[in-house]
């Protein structure tokens, strides 16, 4: 039996041009929290669910996600849209790569 899979957010896709085809590049996302709250989806809407974990001094981002094809040549990144379809979000400080 196949499991149903739904996405909370659309997949991020970017078209890349102007890179040196023979140079190596890495693509990543840096998540920046909009506020100090944890959020959860309840009855069709987002509601605050307390204070966020690990928002100590000096922590200005929510985590970095490195595209699994990184590093790779410019030619690779320019041949098709770069798609971040494996990104997962979590409220946990150590989300195991999520």
C-alpha atoms as a PDB file:
ATOM      1  CA  UNK A   1       0.000   0.000   0.000  1.00  0.00           C
ATOM      2  CA  UNK A   2       1.443   3.365  -0.990  1.00  0.00           C
ATOM      3  CA  UNK A   3       1.644   6.034   1.666  1.00  0.00           C
ATOM      4  CA  UNK A   4       0.227   9.480   1.057  1.00  0.00           C
ATOM      5  CA  UNK A   5       2.737  12.300   1.124  1.00  0.00           C
ATOM      6  CA  UNK A   6       1.764  15.932   1.337  1.00  0.00           C
ATOM      7  CA  UNK A   7       3.914  19.028   1.365  1.00  0.00           C
ATOM      8  CA  UNK A   8       3.377  22.014   3.626  1.00  0.00           C
ATOM      9  CA  UNK A   9       5.453  24.276   1.385  1.00  0.00           C
ATOM     10  CA  UNK A  10       6.083  24.429  -2.373  1.00  0.00           C
ATOM     11  CA  UNK A  11       9.350  23.001  -3.720  1.00  0.00           C
ATOM     12  CA  UNK A  12      11.980  25.677  -4.282  1.00  0.00           C
ATOM     13  CA  UNK A  13      13.392  25.624  -7.837  1.00  0.00           C
ATOM     14  CA  UNK A  14      15.949  28.094  -9.193  1.00  0.00           C
ATOM     15  CA  UNK A  15      17.397  28.497 -12.669  1.00  0.00           C
ATOM     16  CA  UNK A  16      21.113  29.225 -12.695  1.00  0.00           C
ATOM     17  CA  UNK A  17      23.178  30.924 -15.403  1.00  0.00           C
ATOM     18  CA  UNK A  18      26.524  32.672 -15.747  1.00  0.00           C
ATOM     19  CA  UNK A  19      28.620  30.154 -13.820  1.00  0.00           C
ATOM     20  CA  UNK A  20      32.019  28.965 -15.016  1.00  0.00           C
ATOM     21  CA  UNK A  21      31.146  25.490 -16.382  1.00  0.00           C
ATOM     22  CA  UNK A  22      34.442  23.979 -15.134  1.00  0.00           C
ATOM     23  CA  UNK A  23      34.460  25.520 -11.615  1.00  0.00           C
ATOM     24  CA  UNK A  24      32.981  23.834  -8.562  1.00  0.00           C
ATOM     25  CA  UNK A  25      30.013  25.356  -6.723  1.00  0.00           C
ATOM     26  CA  UNK A  26      27.853  24.426  -3.752  1.00  0.00           C
ATOM     27  CA  UNK A  27      24.240  25.440  -3.269  1.00  0.00           C
ATOM     28  CA  UNK A  28      22.666  25.800   0.145  1.00  0.00           C
ATOM     29  CA  UNK A  29      19.706  27.282   1.953  1.00  0.00           C
ATOM     30  CA  UNK A  30      20.189  29.271   5.150  1.00  0.00           C
ATOM     31  CA  UNK A  31      17.007  29.398   7.217  1.00  0.00           C
ATOM     32  CA  UNK A  32      16.503  32.549   9.278  1.00  0.00           C
ATOM     33  CA  UNK A  33      13.789  32.449  11.960  1.00  0.00           C
ATOM     34  CA  UNK A  34      11.170  35.174  11.584  1.00  0.00           C
ATOM     35  CA  UNK A  35      10.520  35.265  15.340  1.00  0.00           C
ATOM     36  CA  UNK A  36      11.269  33.479  18.617  1.00  0.00           C
ATOM     37  CA  UNK A  37       8.270  31.117  18.484  1.00  0.00           C
ATOM     38  CA  UNK A  38       7.759  27.465  17.674  1.00  0.00           C
ATOM     39  CA  UNK A  39       4.835  26.952  15.301  1.00  0.00           C
ATOM     40  CA  UNK A  40       2.527  24.024  14.564  1.00  0.00           C
ATOM     41  CA  UNK A  41      -0.251  23.451  12.059  1.00  0.00           C
ATOM     42  CA  UNK A  42      -3.552  22.892  13.883  1.00  0.00           C
ATOM     43  CA  UNK A  43      -7.022  22.673  12.308  1.00  0.00           C
ATOM     44  CA  UNK A  44      -5.866  24.245   9.053  1.00  0.00           C
ATOM     45  CA  UNK A  45      -3.882  27.152  10.491  1.00  0.00           C
ATOM     46  CA  UNK A  46      -0.470  27.939  11.987  1.00  0.00           C
ATOM     47  CA  UNK A  47      -0.514  28.652  15.731  1.00  0.00           C
ATOM     48  CA  UNK A  48       2.300  29.661  18.093  1.00  0.00           C
ATOM     49  CA  UNK A  49       3.368  26.721  20.255  1.00  0.00           C
ATOM     50  CA  UNK A  50       5.780  28.292  22.737  1.00  0.00           C
ATOM     51  CA  UNK A  51       9.315  29.642  22.581  1.00  0.00           C
ATOM     52  CA  UNK A  52      11.772  28.293  20.020  1.00  0.00           C
ATOM     53  CA  UNK A  53      14.665  26.132  21.240  1.00  0.00           C
ATOM     54  CA  UNK A  54      18.287  27.158  20.907  1.00  0.00           C
ATOM     55  CA  UNK A  55      17.803  30.781  19.966  1.00  0.00           C
ATOM     56  CA  UNK A  56      20.742  31.780  22.141  1.00  0.00           C
ATOM     57  CA  UNK A  57      23.024  34.718  21.608  1.00  0.00           C
ATOM     58  CA  UNK A  58      25.020  34.511  18.388  1.00  0.00           C
ATOM     59  CA  UNK A  59      22.603  32.151  16.671  1.00  0.00           C
ATOM     60  CA  UNK A  60      21.138  34.186  13.839  1.00  0.00           C
ATOM     61  CA  UNK A  61      19.983  31.378  11.550  1.00  0.00           C
ATOM     62  CA  UNK A  62      17.687  28.408  11.885  1.00  0.00           C
ATOM     63  CA  UNK A  63      19.927  25.967  10.084  1.00  0.00           C
ATOM     64  CA  UNK A  64      21.710  25.391   6.821  1.00  0.00           C
ATOM     65  CA  UNK A  65      20.642  22.815   4.230  1.00  0.00           C
ATOM     66  CA  UNK A  66      23.280  21.880   1.647  1.00  0.00           C
ATOM     67  CA  UNK A  67      21.934  20.645  -1.687  1.00  0.00           C
ATOM     68  CA  UNK A  68      22.801  16.922  -2.004  1.00  0.00           C
ATOM     69  CA  UNK A  69      24.509  17.483  -5.412  1.00  0.00           C
ATOM     70  CA  UNK A  70      27.000  19.918  -3.806  1.00  0.00           C
ATOM     71  CA  UNK A  71      29.757  20.486  -4.638  1.00  0.00           C
ATOM     72  CA  UNK A  72      29.425  20.155  -8.398  1.00  0.00           C
ATOM     73  CA  UNK A  73      30.565  21.816 -11.607  1.00  0.00           C
ATOM     74  CA  UNK A  74      28.901  24.940 -12.956  1.00  0.00           C
ATOM     75  CA  UNK A  75      27.874  22.939 -16.036  1.00  0.00           C
ATOM     76  CA  UNK A  76      25.847  20.610 -13.777  1.00  0.00           C
ATOM     77  CA  UNK A  77      24.009  23.474 -12.032  1.00  0.00           C
ATOM     78  CA  UNK A  78      23.183  25.269 -15.292  1.00  0.00           C
ATOM     79  CA  UNK A  79      21.817  22.286 -17.254  1.00  0.00           C
ATOM     80  CA  UNK A  80      18.493  22.174 -15.355  1.00  0.00           C
ATOM     81  CA  UNK A  81      16.696  23.973 -12.543  1.00  0.00           C
ATOM     82  CA  UNK A  82      18.251  23.412  -9.117  1.00  0.00           C
ATOM     83  CA  UNK A  83      15.484  21.824  -7.053  1.00  0.00           C
ATOM     84  CA  UNK A  84      15.359  21.693  -3.262  1.00  0.00           C
ATOM     85  CA  UNK A  85      12.736  18.939  -2.992  1.00  0.00           C
ATOM     86  CA  UNK A  86      14.275  17.032  -0.064  1.00  0.00           C
ATOM     87  CA  UNK A  87      14.270  19.882   2.452  1.00  0.00           C
ATOM     88  CA  UNK A  88      12.464  19.074   5.705  1.00  0.00           C
ATOM     89  CA  UNK A  89      11.657  21.547   8.447  1.00  0.00           C
ATOM     90  CA  UNK A  90      11.630  20.747  12.152  1.00  0.00           C
ATOM     91  CA  UNK A  91      11.198  22.602  15.450  1.00  0.00           C
ATOM     92  CA  UNK A  92      14.064  20.633  17.003  1.00  0.00           C
ATOM     93  CA  UNK A  93      17.497  22.224  17.454  1.00  0.00           C
ATOM     94  CA  UNK A  94      19.317  19.097  16.264  1.00  0.00           C
ATOM     95  CA  UNK A  95      17.013  17.919  13.485  1.00  0.00           C
ATOM     96  CA  UNK A  96      19.444  15.356  12.059  1.00  0.00           C
ATOM     97  CA  UNK A  97      20.071  17.235   8.816  1.00  0.00           C
ATOM     98  CA  UNK A  98      16.523  18.523   8.488  1.00  0.00           C
END
